[in-house]
């Protein structure tokens, strides 16, 4: 419901829509619903990249969330790839 409201009010490509998708993904991940979690994160990521830029910490957070889900699924190569993409963004943001 929150996602529908945000999309109606802000449009599909607003960063707040991506934040809601991230929250939905985190809930699915905590429930072990990994495919649904990844779907939500994969929808959030391009919105964030366009709205905030590729080097924004929220992009790194989403990549990290995806990596955690891949790790939970035993998809270690994909997890490592996501974590490696997130790391330089986080380093740049945190100094």
Protein backbone atom coordinates (compact mmCIF):
# COMPACT_ATOMS: atom_id res chain seq x y z
CA UNK A 1 0.00 0.00 0.00
CA UNK A 2 2.80 2.43 0.88
CA UNK A 3 4.46 1.76 -2.46
CA UNK A 4 1.25 2.43 -4.37
CA UNK A 5 0.71 5.70 -2.51
CA UNK A 6 4.27 6.88 -3.07
CA UNK A 7 4.14 6.03 -6.76
CA UNK A 8 0.84 7.86 -7.16
CA UNK A 9 2.09 10.93 -5.31
CA UNK A 10 5.69 11.09 -6.49
CA UNK A 11 5.97 9.07 -9.69
CA UNK A 12 7.74 5.78 -10.34
CA UNK A 13 11.25 7.25 -10.48
CA UNK A 14 11.36 9.16 -7.20
CA UNK A 15 14.04 8.23 -4.62
CA UNK A 16 11.33 7.78 -1.97
CA UNK A 17 9.77 5.06 -4.14
CA UNK A 18 13.18 3.37 -4.23
CA UNK A 19 13.43 3.69 -0.43
CA UNK A 20 10.09 1.94 -0.09
CA UNK A 21 11.25 -0.79 -2.47
CA UNK A 22 14.38 -1.21 -0.34
CA UNK A 23 12.25 -1.53 2.79
CA UNK A 24 10.02 -4.10 1.10
CA UNK A 25 13.11 -6.02 -0.01
CA UNK A 26 14.48 -6.05 3.52
CA UNK A 27 11.20 -7.41 4.89
CA UNK A 28 11.13 -10.14 2.25
CA UNK A 29 14.77 -11.01 2.98
CA UNK A 30 14.06 -11.30 6.71
CA UNK A 31 11.21 -13.68 5.86
CA UNK A 32 13.45 -15.80 3.66
CA UNK A 33 11.55 -14.72 0.54
CA UNK A 34 14.77 -14.11 -1.35
CA UNK A 35 13.48 -13.99 -4.92
CA UNK A 36 10.97 -11.31 -3.95
CA UNK A 37 13.63 -9.42 -2.01
CA UNK A 38 15.97 -9.38 -5.00
CA UNK A 39 13.15 -8.25 -7.25
CA UNK A 40 12.48 -5.27 -4.99
CA UNK A 41 16.18 -4.36 -4.74
CA UNK A 42 16.61 -4.68 -8.51
CA UNK A 43 13.71 -2.29 -9.04
CA UNK A 44 15.13 0.20 -6.53
CA UNK A 45 18.68 0.23 -7.88
CA UNK A 46 18.13 1.94 -11.26
CA UNK A 47 15.84 4.53 -9.68
CA UNK A 48 18.56 5.39 -7.18
CA UNK A 49 21.30 5.50 -9.80
CA UNK A 50 19.37 7.93 -11.96
CA UNK A 51 18.04 10.09 -9.12
CA UNK A 52 21.10 10.16 -6.85
CA UNK A 53 24.04 9.06 -9.00
CA UNK A 54 26.06 5.87 -9.16
CA UNK A 55 28.29 6.88 -6.25
CA UNK A 56 25.61 7.69 -3.69
CA UNK A 57 25.73 5.80 -0.37
CA UNK A 58 22.14 4.64 -0.86
CA UNK A 59 23.20 2.89 -4.06
CA UNK A 60 25.88 1.12 -2.02
CA UNK A 61 23.32 0.17 0.61
CA UNK A 62 21.09 -1.41 -2.03
CA UNK A 63 24.02 -3.32 -3.53
CA UNK A 64 24.94 -4.49 -0.04
CA UNK A 65 21.36 -5.63 0.56
CA UNK A 66 21.48 -7.60 -2.68
CA UNK A 67 24.79 -9.14 -1.68
CA UNK A 68 23.35 -10.23 1.65
CA UNK A 69 20.44 -11.95 -0.09
CA UNK A 70 22.74 -13.68 -2.55
CA UNK A 71 24.89 -14.84 0.37
CA UNK A 72 21.83 -16.19 2.17
CA UNK A 73 20.96 -18.15 -0.97
CA UNK A 74 24.46 -19.60 -1.21
CA UNK A 75 25.06 -17.62 -4.42
CA UNK A 76 28.50 -16.56 -3.27
CA UNK A 77 29.93 -15.33 -6.58
CA UNK A 78 26.99 -12.98 -7.03
CA UNK A 79 27.21 -11.88 -3.41
CA UNK A 80 30.89 -11.09 -3.79
CA UNK A 81 30.22 -9.13 -6.98
CA UNK A 82 27.55 -7.01 -5.27
CA UNK A 83 29.75 -6.40 -2.21
CA UNK A 84 32.69 -5.42 -4.43
CA UNK A 85 30.50 -2.87 -6.22
CA UNK A 86 29.30 -1.42 -2.91
CA UNK A 87 32.70 -1.19 -1.24
CA UNK A 88 34.31 1.65 -3.23
CA UNK A 89 31.13 3.71 -2.96
CA UNK A 90 31.11 3.29 0.79
CA UNK A 91 34.82 4.06 1.06
CA UNK A 92 34.40 7.26 -0.94
CA UNK A 93 31.41 8.31 1.15
CA UNK A 94 32.95 7.51 4.52
CA UNK A 95 36.46 8.70 3.74
